PDB file of all heavy atoms in Angstrom:
ATOM      1  N   ILE A   1       5.172  -6.983 -28.329  1.00  0.00           N
ATOM      2  CA  ILE A   1       5.268  -5.669 -28.762  1.00  0.00           C
ATOM      3  C   ILE A   1       6.489  -5.385 -29.507  1.00  0.00           C
ATOM      4  O   ILE A   1       7.675  -5.605 -29.046  1.00  0.00           O
ATOM      5  CB  ILE A   1       5.234  -4.822 -27.475  1.00  0.00           C
ATOM      6  CG1 ILE A   1       3.830  -5.067 -26.670  1.00  0.00           C
ATOM      7  CG2 ILE A   1       5.303  -3.226 -27.764  1.00  0.00           C
ATOM      8  CD1 ILE A   1       3.691  -4.251 -25.486  1.00  0.00           C
ATOM      9  N   PRO A   2       6.411  -4.666 -30.678  1.00  0.00           N
ATOM     10  CA  PRO A   2       7.666  -4.393 -31.421  1.00  0.00           C
ATOM     11  C   PRO A   2       8.610  -3.609 -30.681  1.00  0.00           C
ATOM     12  O   PRO A   2       8.082  -2.661 -29.888  1.00  0.00           O
ATOM     13  CB  PRO A   2       7.021  -3.748 -32.760  1.00  0.00           C
ATOM     14  CG  PRO A   2       5.637  -4.211 -32.824  1.00  0.00           C
ATOM     15  CD  PRO A   2       5.096  -4.297 -31.422  1.00  0.00           C
ATOM     16  N   VAL A   3       9.804  -3.784 -30.932  1.00  0.00           N
ATOM     17  CA  VAL A   3      10.887  -2.771 -30.370  1.00  0.00           C
ATOM     18  C   VAL A   3      11.114  -1.653 -31.261  1.00  0.00           C
ATOM     19  O   VAL A   3      12.001  -1.768 -32.178  1.00  0.00           O
ATOM     20  CB  VAL A   3      12.243  -3.542 -30.090  1.00  0.00           C
ATOM     21  CG1 VAL A   3      13.135  -2.636 -29.289  1.00  0.00           C
ATOM     22  CG2 VAL A   3      11.908  -4.800 -29.217  1.00  0.00           C
ATOM     23  N   TRP A   4      10.367  -0.515 -31.108  1.00  0.00           N
ATOM     24  CA  TRP A   4      10.546   0.532 -31.900  1.00  0.00           C
ATOM     25  C   TRP A   4      11.669   1.490 -31.487  1.00  0.00           C
ATOM     26  O   TRP A   4      11.901   1.633 -30.282  1.00  0.00           O
ATOM     27  CB  TRP A   4       9.229   1.409 -31.996  1.00  0.00           C
ATOM     28  CG  TRP A   4       8.020   0.753 -32.567  1.00  0.00           C
ATOM     29  CD1 TRP A   4       7.995   0.505 -33.895  1.00  0.00           C
ATOM     30  CD2 TRP A   4       6.776   0.535 -32.006  1.00  0.00           C
ATOM     31  NE1 TRP A   4       6.660  -0.120 -34.036  1.00  0.00           N
ATOM     32  CE2 TRP A   4       6.001  -0.149 -32.962  1.00  0.00           C
ATOM     33  CE3 TRP A   4       6.396   0.574 -30.659  1.00  0.00           C
ATOM     34  CZ2 TRP A   4       4.692  -0.629 -32.649  1.00  0.00           C
ATOM     35  CZ3 TRP A   4       5.060   0.051 -30.349  1.00  0.00           C
ATOM     36  CH2 TRP A   4       4.307  -0.479 -31.239  1.00  0.00           C
ATOM     37  N   PRO A   5      12.361   2.120 -32.293  1.00  0.00           N
ATOM     38  CA  PRO A   5      13.488   3.071 -31.956  1.00  0.00           C
ATOM     39  C   PRO A   5      12.876   4.182 -31.099  1.00  0.00           C
ATOM     40  O   PRO A   5      11.920   4.732 -31.476  1.00  0.00           O
ATOM     41  CB  PRO A   5      13.955   3.558 -33.268  1.00  0.00           C
ATOM     42  CG  PRO A   5      13.649   2.464 -34.415  1.00  0.00           C
ATOM     43  CD  PRO A   5      12.323   1.935 -33.793  1.00  0.00           C
ATOM     44  N   GLY A   6      13.479   4.327 -29.936  1.00  0.00           N
ATOM     45  CA  GLY A   6      13.142   5.312 -28.986  1.00  0.00           C
ATOM     46  C   GLY A   6      12.102   5.045 -27.923  1.00  0.00           C
ATOM     47  O   GLY A   6      11.832   5.796 -27.051  1.00  0.00           O
ATOM     48  N   ILE A   7      11.652   3.707 -27.921  1.00  0.00           N
ATOM     49  CA  ILE A   7      10.686   3.400 -27.134  1.00  0.00           C
ATOM     50  C   ILE A   7      11.147   3.421 -25.642  1.00  0.00           C
ATOM     51  O   ILE A   7      10.355   3.590 -24.662  1.00  0.00           O
ATOM     52  CB  ILE A   7      10.074   1.957 -27.460  1.00  0.00           C
ATOM     53  CG1 ILE A   7       8.781   1.633 -26.730  1.00  0.00           C
ATOM     54  CG2 ILE A   7      11.148   0.878 -27.184  1.00  0.00           C
ATOM     55  CD1 ILE A   7       8.037   0.387 -27.228  1.00  0.00           C
ATOM     56  N   GLU A   8      12.420   3.114 -25.447  1.00  0.00           N
ATOM     57  CA  GLU A   8      12.930   3.181 -24.220  1.00  0.00           C
ATOM     58  C   GLU A   8      12.956   4.622 -23.512  1.00  0.00           C
ATOM     59  O   GLU A   8      12.978   4.746 -22.240  1.00  0.00           O
ATOM     60  CB  GLU A   8      14.428   2.611 -24.090  1.00  0.00           C
ATOM     61  CG  GLU A   8      15.399   3.423 -24.931  1.00  0.00           C
ATOM     62  CD  GLU A   8      15.319   3.216 -26.450  1.00  0.00           C
ATOM     63  OE1 GLU A   8      14.531   2.353 -26.859  1.00  0.00           O
ATOM     64  OE2 GLU A   8      16.259   3.797 -27.229  1.00  0.00           O
ATOM     65  N   ASP A   9      12.865   5.572 -24.391  1.00  0.00           N
ATOM     66  CA  ASP A   9      12.809   7.037 -23.881  1.00  0.00           C
ATOM     67  C   ASP A   9      11.366   7.492 -23.664  1.00  0.00           C
ATOM     68  O   ASP A   9      11.142   8.647 -23.217  1.00  0.00           O
ATOM     69  CB  ASP A   9      13.598   7.854 -24.864  1.00  0.00           C
ATOM     70  CG  ASP A   9      15.080   7.505 -24.871  1.00  0.00           C
ATOM     71  OD1 ASP A   9      15.643   7.120 -23.917  1.00  0.00           O
ATOM     72  OD2 ASP A   9      15.510   7.469 -26.110  1.00  0.00           O
ATOM     73  N   PHE A  10      10.426   6.631 -24.086  1.00  0.00           N
ATOM     74  CA  PHE A  10       8.973   7.052 -23.970  1.00  0.00           C
ATOM     75  C   PHE A  10       8.588   7.191 -22.562  1.00  0.00           C
ATOM     76  O   PHE A  10       8.836   6.043 -21.706  1.00  0.00           O
ATOM     77  CB  PHE A  10       8.121   6.129 -24.706  1.00  0.00           C
ATOM     78  CG  PHE A  10       6.614   6.453 -24.577  1.00  0.00           C
ATOM     79  CD1 PHE A  10       6.072   7.611 -25.231  1.00  0.00           C
ATOM     80  CD2 PHE A  10       5.747   5.519 -23.997  1.00  0.00           C
ATOM     81  CE1 PHE A  10       4.778   7.907 -25.079  1.00  0.00           C
ATOM     82  CE2 PHE A  10       4.452   5.850 -23.927  1.00  0.00           C
ATOM     83  CZ  PHE A  10       3.902   6.975 -24.450  1.00  0.00           C
ATOM     84  N   GLY A  11       8.035   8.271 -22.200  1.00  0.00           N
ATOM     85  CA  GLY A  11       7.696   8.463 -20.679  1.00  0.00           C
ATOM     86  C   GLY A  11       6.507   7.741 -20.233  1.00  0.00           C
ATOM     87  O   GLY A  11       6.213   7.755 -19.030  1.00  0.00           O
ATOM     88  N   GLY A  12       5.490   7.343 -21.081  1.00  0.00           N
ATOM     89  CA  GLY A  12       4.352   6.809 -20.733  1.00  0.00           C
ATOM     90  C   GLY A  12       4.351   5.372 -20.664  1.00  0.00           C
ATOM     91  O   GLY A  12       5.282   4.691 -20.877  1.00  0.00           O
ATOM     92  N   ALA A  13       3.155   4.646 -20.446  1.00  0.00           N
ATOM     93  CA  ALA A  13       3.054   3.270 -20.394  1.00  0.00           C
ATOM     94  C   ALA A  13       2.793   2.743 -21.835  1.00  0.00           C
ATOM     95  O   ALA A  13       2.105   3.300 -22.631  1.00  0.00           O
ATOM     96  CB  ALA A  13       1.816   2.883 -19.512  1.00  0.00           C
ATOM     97  N   VAL A  14       3.431   1.460 -21.942  1.00  0.00           N
ATOM     98  CA  VAL A  14       3.326   0.806 -23.361  1.00  0.00           C
ATOM     99  C   VAL A  14       2.625  -0.624 -22.911  1.00  0.00           C
ATOM    100  O   VAL A  14       3.246  -1.396 -22.243  1.00  0.00           O
ATOM    101  CB  VAL A  14       4.688   0.688 -24.023  1.00  0.00           C
ATOM    102  CG1 VAL A  14       4.463  -0.086 -25.363  1.00  0.00           C
ATOM    103  CG2 VAL A  14       5.349   1.945 -24.233  1.00  0.00           C
ATOM    104  N   ILE A  15       1.449  -0.822 -23.504  1.00  0.00           N
ATOM    105  CA  ILE A  15       0.832  -2.077 -23.206  1.00  0.00           C
ATOM    106  C   ILE A  15       0.394  -2.747 -24.433  1.00  0.00           C
ATOM    107  O   ILE A  15       0.225  -2.135 -25.615  1.00  0.00           O
ATOM    108  CB  ILE A  15      -0.373  -1.896 -22.356  1.00  0.00           C
ATOM    109  CG1 ILE A  15      -1.558  -1.076 -23.066  1.00  0.00           C
ATOM    110  CG2 ILE A  15       0.014  -1.118 -21.040  1.00  0.00           C
ATOM    111  CD1 ILE A  15      -2.771  -1.187 -22.364  1.00  0.00           C
ATOM    112  N   HIS A  16       0.308  -4.025 -24.359  1.00  0.00           N
ATOM    113  CA  HIS A  16      -0.263  -4.829 -25.606  1.00  0.00           C
ATOM    114  C   HIS A  16      -1.873  -4.741 -25.471  1.00  0.00           C
ATOM    115  O   HIS A  16      -2.379  -4.578 -24.426  1.00  0.00           O
ATOM    116  CB  HIS A  16       0.126  -6.263 -25.548  1.00  0.00           C
ATOM    117  CG  HIS A  16      -0.084  -7.065 -26.823  1.00  0.00           C
ATOM    118  ND1 HIS A  16      -1.347  -7.637 -27.055  1.00  0.00           N
ATOM    119  CD2 HIS A  16       0.655  -7.269 -27.887  1.00  0.00           C
ATOM    120  CE1 HIS A  16      -1.326  -8.280 -28.050  1.00  0.00           C
ATOM    121  NE2 HIS A  16      -0.078  -7.967 -28.731  1.00  0.00           N
ATOM    122  N   ALA A  17      -2.558  -4.913 -26.627  1.00  0.00           N
ATOM    123  CA  ALA A  17      -3.974  -4.914 -26.590  1.00  0.00           C
ATOM    124  C   ALA A  17      -4.521  -5.961 -25.786  1.00  0.00           C
ATOM    125  O   ALA A  17      -5.733  -5.832 -25.148  1.00  0.00           O
ATOM    126  CB  ALA A  17      -4.453  -5.057 -27.994  1.00  0.00           C
ATOM    127  N   ALA A  18      -3.918  -7.142 -25.480  1.00  0.00           N
ATOM    128  CA  ALA A  18      -4.254  -8.212 -24.747  1.00  0.00           C
ATOM    129  C   ALA A  18      -4.500  -7.712 -23.245  1.00  0.00           C
ATOM    130  O   ALA A  18      -5.164  -8.236 -22.520  1.00  0.00           O
ATOM    131  CB  ALA A  18      -3.399  -9.305 -24.783  1.00  0.00           C
ATOM    132  N   ASP A  19      -3.676  -6.635 -22.811  1.00  0.00           N
ATOM    133  CA  ASP A  19      -3.721  -6.203 -21.464  1.00  0.00           C
ATOM    134  C   ASP A  19      -4.574  -4.916 -21.322  1.00  0.00           C
ATOM    135  O   ASP A  19      -4.578  -4.294 -20.204  1.00  0.00           O
ATOM    136  CB  ASP A  19      -2.318  -5.827 -21.070  1.00  0.00           C
ATOM    137  CG  ASP A  19      -1.343  -7.059 -21.123  1.00  0.00           C
ATOM    138  OD1 ASP A  19      -1.775  -8.235 -20.657  1.00  0.00           O
ATOM    139  OD2 ASP A  19      -0.291  -6.994 -21.653  1.00  0.00           O
ATOM    140  N   PHE A  20      -5.504  -4.678 -22.290  1.00  0.00           N
ATOM    141  CA  PHE A  20      -6.319  -3.420 -22.343  1.00  0.00           C
ATOM    142  C   PHE A  20      -7.264  -3.798 -21.125  1.00  0.00           C
ATOM    143  O   PHE A  20      -8.021  -4.745 -21.090  1.00  0.00           O
ATOM    144  CB  PHE A  20      -6.876  -3.128 -23.556  1.00  0.00           C
ATOM    145  CG  PHE A  20      -7.899  -2.009 -23.624  1.00  0.00           C
ATOM    146  CD1 PHE A  20      -7.404  -0.745 -23.598  1.00  0.00           C
ATOM    147  CD2 PHE A  20      -9.295  -2.228 -23.653  1.00  0.00           C
ATOM    148  CE1 PHE A  20      -8.273   0.318 -23.698  1.00  0.00           C
ATOM    149  CE2 PHE A  20     -10.020  -1.065 -23.711  1.00  0.00           C
ATOM    150  CZ  PHE A  20      -9.548   0.151 -23.695  1.00  0.00           C
ATOM    151  N   ALA A  21      -7.425  -2.814 -20.224  1.00  0.00           N
ATOM    152  CA  ALA A  21      -8.257  -3.082 -18.996  1.00  0.00           C
ATOM    153  C   ALA A  21      -9.551  -2.096 -19.101  1.00  0.00           C
ATOM    154  O   ALA A  21     -10.162  -1.856 -20.236  1.00  0.00           O
ATOM    155  CB  ALA A  21      -7.475  -2.832 -17.791  1.00  0.00           C
ATOM    156  N   ASP A  22      -9.959  -1.538 -17.997  1.00  0.00           N
ATOM    157  CA  ASP A  22     -11.092  -0.763 -17.895  1.00  0.00           C
ATOM    158  C   ASP A  22     -10.852   0.584 -18.753  1.00  0.00           C
ATOM    159  O   ASP A  22      -9.863   1.213 -18.497  1.00  0.00           O
ATOM    160  CB  ASP A  22     -11.370  -0.437 -16.490  1.00  0.00           C
ATOM    161  CG  ASP A  22     -12.664   0.426 -16.303  1.00  0.00           C
ATOM    162  OD1 ASP A  22     -13.244   0.939 -17.353  1.00  0.00           O
ATOM    163  OD2 ASP A  22     -13.118   0.634 -15.123  1.00  0.00           O
ATOM    164  N   PRO A  23     -11.653   1.028 -19.744  1.00  0.00           N
ATOM    165  CA  PRO A  23     -11.529   2.081 -20.611  1.00  0.00           C
ATOM    166  C   PRO A  23     -11.457   3.420 -19.713  1.00  0.00           C
ATOM    167  O   PRO A  23     -10.725   4.301 -20.111  1.00  0.00           O
ATOM    168  CB  PRO A  23     -12.661   2.000 -21.550  1.00  0.00           C
ATOM    169  CG  PRO A  23     -13.030   0.634 -21.643  1.00  0.00           C
ATOM    170  CD  PRO A  23     -12.835   0.143 -20.241  1.00  0.00           C
ATOM    171  N   ARG A  24     -12.114   3.392 -18.659  1.00  0.00           N
ATOM    172  CA  ARG A  24     -12.230   4.627 -17.773  1.00  0.00           C
ATOM    173  C   ARG A  24     -10.836   4.897 -17.277  1.00  0.00           C
ATOM    174  O   ARG A  24     -10.507   6.086 -16.793  1.00  0.00           O
ATOM    175  CB  ARG A  24     -13.217   4.472 -16.681  1.00  0.00           C
ATOM    176  CG  ARG A  24     -14.732   4.369 -17.311  1.00  0.00           C
ATOM    177  CD  ARG A  24     -15.608   4.109 -16.295  1.00  0.00           C
ATOM    178  NE  ARG A  24     -15.332   2.666 -15.622  1.00  0.00           N
ATOM    179  CZ  ARG A  24     -16.019   2.178 -14.598  1.00  0.00           C
ATOM    180  NH1 ARG A  24     -17.131   2.789 -14.072  1.00  0.00           N
ATOM    181  NH2 ARG A  24     -15.825   0.911 -14.194  1.00  0.00           N
ATOM    182  N   SER A  25      -9.899   3.987 -17.211  1.00  0.00           N
ATOM    183  CA  SER A  25      -8.527   4.162 -16.683  1.00  0.00           C
ATOM    184  C   SER A  25      -7.752   5.132 -17.509  1.00  0.00           C
ATOM    185  O   SER A  25      -6.718   5.661 -17.151  1.00  0.00           O
ATOM    186  CB  SER A  25      -7.748   2.951 -16.448  1.00  0.00           C
ATOM    187  OG  SER A  25      -7.583   2.205 -17.576  1.00  0.00           O
ATOM    188  N   TYR A  26      -8.299   5.297 -18.715  1.00  0.00           N
ATOM    189  CA  TYR A  26      -7.541   6.160 -19.742  1.00  0.00           C
ATOM    190  C   TYR A  26      -8.131   7.536 -19.904  1.00  0.00           C
ATOM    191  O   TYR A  26      -7.777   8.290 -20.626  1.00  0.00           O
ATOM    192  CB  TYR A  26      -7.658   5.546 -21.056  1.00  0.00           C
ATOM    193  CG  TYR A  26      -6.854   4.070 -21.144  1.00  0.00           C
ATOM    194  CD1 TYR A  26      -7.744   2.967 -20.979  1.00  0.00           C
ATOM    195  CD2 TYR A  26      -5.521   4.016 -21.187  1.00  0.00           C
ATOM    196  CE1 TYR A  26      -7.112   1.800 -20.971  1.00  0.00           C
ATOM    197  CE2 TYR A  26      -4.896   2.767 -21.149  1.00  0.00           C
ATOM    198  CZ  TYR A  26      -5.706   1.685 -21.043  1.00  0.00           C
ATOM    199  OH  TYR A  26      -5.145   0.466 -20.978  1.00  0.00           O
ATOM    200  N   ASP A  27      -9.176   7.925 -19.008  1.00  0.00           N
ATOM    201  CA  ASP A  27      -9.811   9.159 -19.015  1.00  0.00           C
ATOM    202  C   ASP A  27      -8.682  10.309 -18.662  1.00  0.00           C
ATOM    203  O   ASP A  27      -7.828  10.173 -17.803  1.00  0.00           O
ATOM    204  CB  ASP A  27     -10.822   9.229 -17.837  1.00  0.00           C
ATOM    205  CG  ASP A  27     -12.131   8.419 -18.286  1.00  0.00           C
ATOM    206  OD1 ASP A  27     -12.124   7.958 -19.323  1.00  0.00           O
ATOM    207  OD2 ASP A  27     -12.942   8.368 -17.481  1.00  0.00           O
ATOM    208  N   GLY A  28      -8.681  11.356 -19.572  1.00  0.00           N
ATOM    209  CA  GLY A  28      -7.690  12.447 -19.370  1.00  0.00           C
ATOM    210  C   GLY A  28      -6.345  12.273 -19.893  1.00  0.00           C
ATOM    211  O   GLY A  28      -5.542  13.105 -19.768  1.00  0.00           O
ATOM    212  N   LYS A  29      -6.198  11.163 -20.536  1.00  0.00           N
ATOM    213  CA  LYS A  29      -4.822  10.720 -20.973  1.00  0.00           C
ATOM    214  C   LYS A  29      -4.896  10.825 -22.536  1.00  0.00           C
ATOM    215  O   LYS A  29      -5.834  10.684 -23.136  1.00  0.00           O
ATOM    216  CB  LYS A  29      -4.390   9.275 -20.484  1.00  0.00           C
ATOM    217  CG  LYS A  29      -4.338   9.204 -19.005  1.00  0.00           C
ATOM    218  CD  LYS A  29      -3.900   7.783 -18.665  1.00  0.00           C
ATOM    219  CE  LYS A  29      -3.706   7.666 -17.088  1.00  0.00           C
ATOM    220  NZ  LYS A  29      -3.392   6.282 -16.767  1.00  0.00           N
ATOM    221  N   ARG A  30      -3.579  10.969 -23.090  1.00  0.00           N
ATOM    222  CA  ARG A  30      -3.433  10.915 -24.439  1.00  0.00           C
ATOM    223  C   ARG A  30      -2.922   9.481 -24.903  1.00  0.00           C
ATOM    224  O   ARG A  30      -1.997   8.954 -24.226  1.00  0.00           O
ATOM    225  CB  ARG A  30      -2.266  11.992 -24.939  1.00  0.00           C
ATOM    226  CG  ARG A  30      -2.752  13.441 -24.659  1.00  0.00           C
ATOM    227  CD  ARG A  30      -1.719  14.399 -25.047  1.00  0.00           C
ATOM    228  NE  ARG A  30      -0.477  14.244 -24.212  1.00  0.00           N
ATOM    229  CZ  ARG A  30       0.696  14.739 -24.461  1.00  0.00           C
ATOM    230  NH1 ARG A  30       0.885  15.395 -25.637  1.00  0.00           N
ATOM    231  NH2 ARG A  30       1.613  14.596 -23.658  1.00  0.00           N
ATOM    232  N   VAL A  31      -3.626   8.937 -25.818  1.00  0.00           N
ATOM    233  CA  VAL A  31      -3.513   7.617 -26.232  1.00  0.00           C
ATOM    234  C   VAL A  31      -3.149   7.354 -27.713  1.00  0.00           C
ATOM    235  O   VAL A  31      -3.713   7.942 -28.601  1.00  0.00           O
ATOM    236  CB  VAL A  31      -4.711   6.736 -25.870  1.00  0.00           C
ATOM    237  CG1 VAL A  31      -4.425   5.252 -26.067  1.00  0.00           C
ATOM    238  CG2 VAL A  31      -5.103   6.904 -24.316  1.00  0.00           C
ATOM    239  N   LEU A  32      -2.093   6.654 -27.982  1.00  0.00           N
ATOM    240  CA  LEU A  32      -1.824   6.182 -29.384  1.00  0.00           C
ATOM    241  C   LEU A  32      -1.989   4.787 -29.449  1.00  0.00           C
ATOM    242  O   LEU A  32      -1.547   3.932 -28.746  1.00  0.00           O
ATOM    243  CB  LEU A  32      -0.299   6.441 -29.643  1.00  0.00           C
ATOM    244  CG  LEU A  32       0.155   5.953 -31.024  1.00  0.00           C
ATOM    245  CD1 LEU A  32      -0.561   6.428 -32.297  1.00  0.00           C
ATOM    246  CD2 LEU A  32       1.700   6.049 -31.109  1.00  0.00           C
ATOM    247  N   VAL A  33      -2.989   4.412 -30.482  1.00  0.00           N
ATOM    248  CA  VAL A  33      -3.253   2.904 -30.699  1.00  0.00           C
ATOM    249  C   VAL A  33      -2.528   2.583 -32.016  1.00  0.00           C
ATOM    250  O   VAL A  33      -2.770   3.240 -32.967  1.00  0.00           O
ATOM    251  CB  VAL A  33      -4.810   2.696 -30.934  1.00  0.00           C
ATOM    252  CG1 VAL A  33      -4.950   1.274 -31.246  1.00  0.00           C
ATOM    253  CG2 VAL A  33      -5.446   3.050 -29.577  1.00  0.00           C
TER     254      VAL A  33
END
């Protein structure tokens, strides 16, 4: 996962696509791909 400036201040989870799990676990959430 690239080390983008400000990523340490991001309040949500950051995952790699290899760790993408059940799509339903993202229901109701805002997602940036």
